[in-house]
């Protein structure tokens, strides 16, 4: 399950590696997230957040994260 800090992370946390390194998770293309879903999510919290990000995008809920952009979040490993 996820909590509000996970939503803050989606809206503000940069992708730590790869082609989209530095891009905020919610700004990752859906196609990239679908590729991860097919190949396998990264281990740990990042994988969980990327899966959550895909669910938010598939359900058209990106707008709920807009008020959270620029807010502070806690990094939970």
C-alpha atoms as a PDB file:
ATOM      1  CA  UNK A   1       0.000   0.000   0.000  1.00  0.00           C
ATOM      2  CA  UNK A   2       1.082   3.583  -0.390  1.00  0.00           C
ATOM      3  CA  UNK A   3       0.814   6.729   1.718  1.00  0.00           C
ATOM      4  CA  UNK A   4       0.741  10.471   1.087  1.00  0.00           C
ATOM      5  CA  UNK A   5       4.543  10.647   1.085  1.00  0.00           C
ATOM      6  CA  UNK A   6       4.523   8.302  -1.918  1.00  0.00           C
ATOM      7  CA  UNK A   7       2.295  10.751  -3.804  1.00  0.00           C
ATOM      8  CA  UNK A   8       4.670  13.579  -2.881  1.00  0.00           C
ATOM      9  CA  UNK A   9       7.560  11.481  -4.185  1.00  0.00           C
ATOM     10  CA  UNK A  10       5.766  10.839  -7.495  1.00  0.00           C
ATOM     11  CA  UNK A  11       5.258  14.568  -7.954  1.00  0.00           C
ATOM     12  CA  UNK A  12       8.831  15.570  -7.025  1.00  0.00           C
ATOM     13  CA  UNK A  13      11.349  12.713  -7.030  1.00  0.00           C
ATOM     14  CA  UNK A  14      13.755  12.561  -9.967  1.00  0.00           C
ATOM     15  CA  UNK A  15      14.410   9.293 -11.784  1.00  0.00           C
ATOM     16  CA  UNK A  16      17.803   8.173 -10.437  1.00  0.00           C
ATOM     17  CA  UNK A  17      19.149   6.409 -13.558  1.00  0.00           C
ATOM     18  CA  UNK A  18      18.678   5.592 -17.218  1.00  0.00           C
ATOM     19  CA  UNK A  19      17.457   7.460 -20.262  1.00  0.00           C
ATOM     20  CA  UNK A  20      15.216   9.721 -18.177  1.00  0.00           C
ATOM     21  CA  UNK A  21      17.641  10.299 -15.292  1.00  0.00           C
ATOM     22  CA  UNK A  22      16.735  13.536 -13.485  1.00  0.00           C
ATOM     23  CA  UNK A  23      13.175  13.675 -14.847  1.00  0.00           C
ATOM     24  CA  UNK A  24      10.428  13.753 -12.188  1.00  0.00           C
ATOM     25  CA  UNK A  25       8.727  10.349 -11.917  1.00  0.00           C
ATOM     26  CA  UNK A  26       5.282  11.699 -12.889  1.00  0.00           C
ATOM     27  CA  UNK A  27       6.818  13.205 -16.014  1.00  0.00           C
ATOM     28  CA  UNK A  28       8.123   9.858 -17.273  1.00  0.00           C
ATOM     29  CA  UNK A  29       6.414   8.714 -20.477  1.00  0.00           C
ATOM     30  CA  UNK A  30       3.771   6.037 -20.050  1.00  0.00           C
ATOM     31  CA  UNK A  31       5.567   3.924 -22.670  1.00  0.00           C
ATOM     32  CA  UNK A  32       8.686   3.863 -20.479  1.00  0.00           C
ATOM     33  CA  UNK A  33       6.627   2.720 -17.489  1.00  0.00           C
ATOM     34  CA  UNK A  34       4.964   0.026 -19.603  1.00  0.00           C
ATOM     35  CA  UNK A  35       8.432  -1.159 -20.659  1.00  0.00           C
ATOM     36  CA  UNK A  36       9.410  -1.492 -16.985  1.00  0.00           C
ATOM     37  CA  UNK A  37       6.187  -3.351 -16.276  1.00  0.00           C
ATOM     38  CA  UNK A  38       7.061  -5.834 -19.017  1.00  0.00           C
ATOM     39  CA  UNK A  39      10.773  -6.185 -18.146  1.00  0.00           C
ATOM     40  CA  UNK A  40      10.376  -6.026 -14.370  1.00  0.00           C
ATOM     41  CA  UNK A  41      10.250  -3.159 -11.901  1.00  0.00           C
ATOM     42  CA  UNK A  42      13.409  -2.056 -10.088  1.00  0.00           C
ATOM     43  CA  UNK A  43      13.813  -3.410  -6.572  1.00  0.00           C
ATOM     44  CA  UNK A  44      12.448  -1.595  -3.532  1.00  0.00           C
ATOM     45  CA  UNK A  45      10.605   1.652  -3.205  1.00  0.00           C
ATOM     46  CA  UNK A  46      11.532   2.932  -6.666  1.00  0.00           C
ATOM     47  CA  UNK A  47       9.859  -0.048  -8.306  1.00  0.00           C
ATOM     48  CA  UNK A  48       6.763   0.438  -6.164  1.00  0.00           C
ATOM     49  CA  UNK A  49       6.646   4.145  -7.053  1.00  0.00           C
ATOM     50  CA  UNK A  50       7.036   3.462 -10.767  1.00  0.00           C
ATOM     51  CA  UNK A  51       4.180   0.937 -10.592  1.00  0.00           C
ATOM     52  CA  UNK A  52       2.044   3.470  -8.748  1.00  0.00           C
ATOM     53  CA  UNK A  53       2.972   6.088 -11.336  1.00  0.00           C
ATOM     54  CA  UNK A  54       1.766   3.824 -14.140  1.00  0.00           C
ATOM     55  CA  UNK A  55      -1.536   3.218 -12.333  1.00  0.00           C
ATOM     56  CA  UNK A  56      -2.051   6.959 -11.862  1.00  0.00           C
ATOM     57  CA  UNK A  57      -1.373   7.587 -15.556  1.00  0.00           C
ATOM     58  CA  UNK A  58      -3.533   4.702 -16.810  1.00  0.00           C
ATOM     59  CA  UNK A  59      -6.438   6.027 -14.747  1.00  0.00           C
ATOM     60  CA  UNK A  60      -5.937   9.640 -15.871  1.00  0.00           C
ATOM     61  CA  UNK A  61      -5.244  10.925 -12.358  1.00  0.00           C
ATOM     62  CA  UNK A  62      -2.086  12.971 -13.003  1.00  0.00           C
ATOM     63  CA  UNK A  63      -3.999  16.150 -12.137  1.00  0.00           C
ATOM     64  CA  UNK A  64      -4.297  15.169  -8.488  1.00  0.00           C
ATOM     65  CA  UNK A  65      -0.512  15.410  -8.193  1.00  0.00           C
ATOM     66  CA  UNK A  66      -0.183  18.940  -9.605  1.00  0.00           C
ATOM     67  CA  UNK A  67      -0.796  20.666  -6.229  1.00  0.00           C
ATOM     68  CA  UNK A  68       1.986  18.500  -4.744  1.00  0.00           C
ATOM     69  CA  UNK A  69       4.699  19.637  -7.144  1.00  0.00           C
ATOM     70  CA  UNK A  70       7.488  21.537  -5.431  1.00  0.00           C
ATOM     71  CA  UNK A  71       6.568  20.172  -1.999  1.00  0.00           C
ATOM     72  CA  UNK A  72       8.992  18.432   0.330  1.00  0.00           C
ATOM     73  CA  UNK A  73       8.918  14.670   0.641  1.00  0.00           C
ATOM     74  CA  UNK A  74      10.815  12.170   2.777  1.00  0.00           C
ATOM     75  CA  UNK A  75      13.057   9.639   1.070  1.00  0.00           C
ATOM     76  CA  UNK A  76      12.129   6.203   2.423  1.00  0.00           C
ATOM     77  CA  UNK A  77      14.414   3.453   1.178  1.00  0.00           C
END
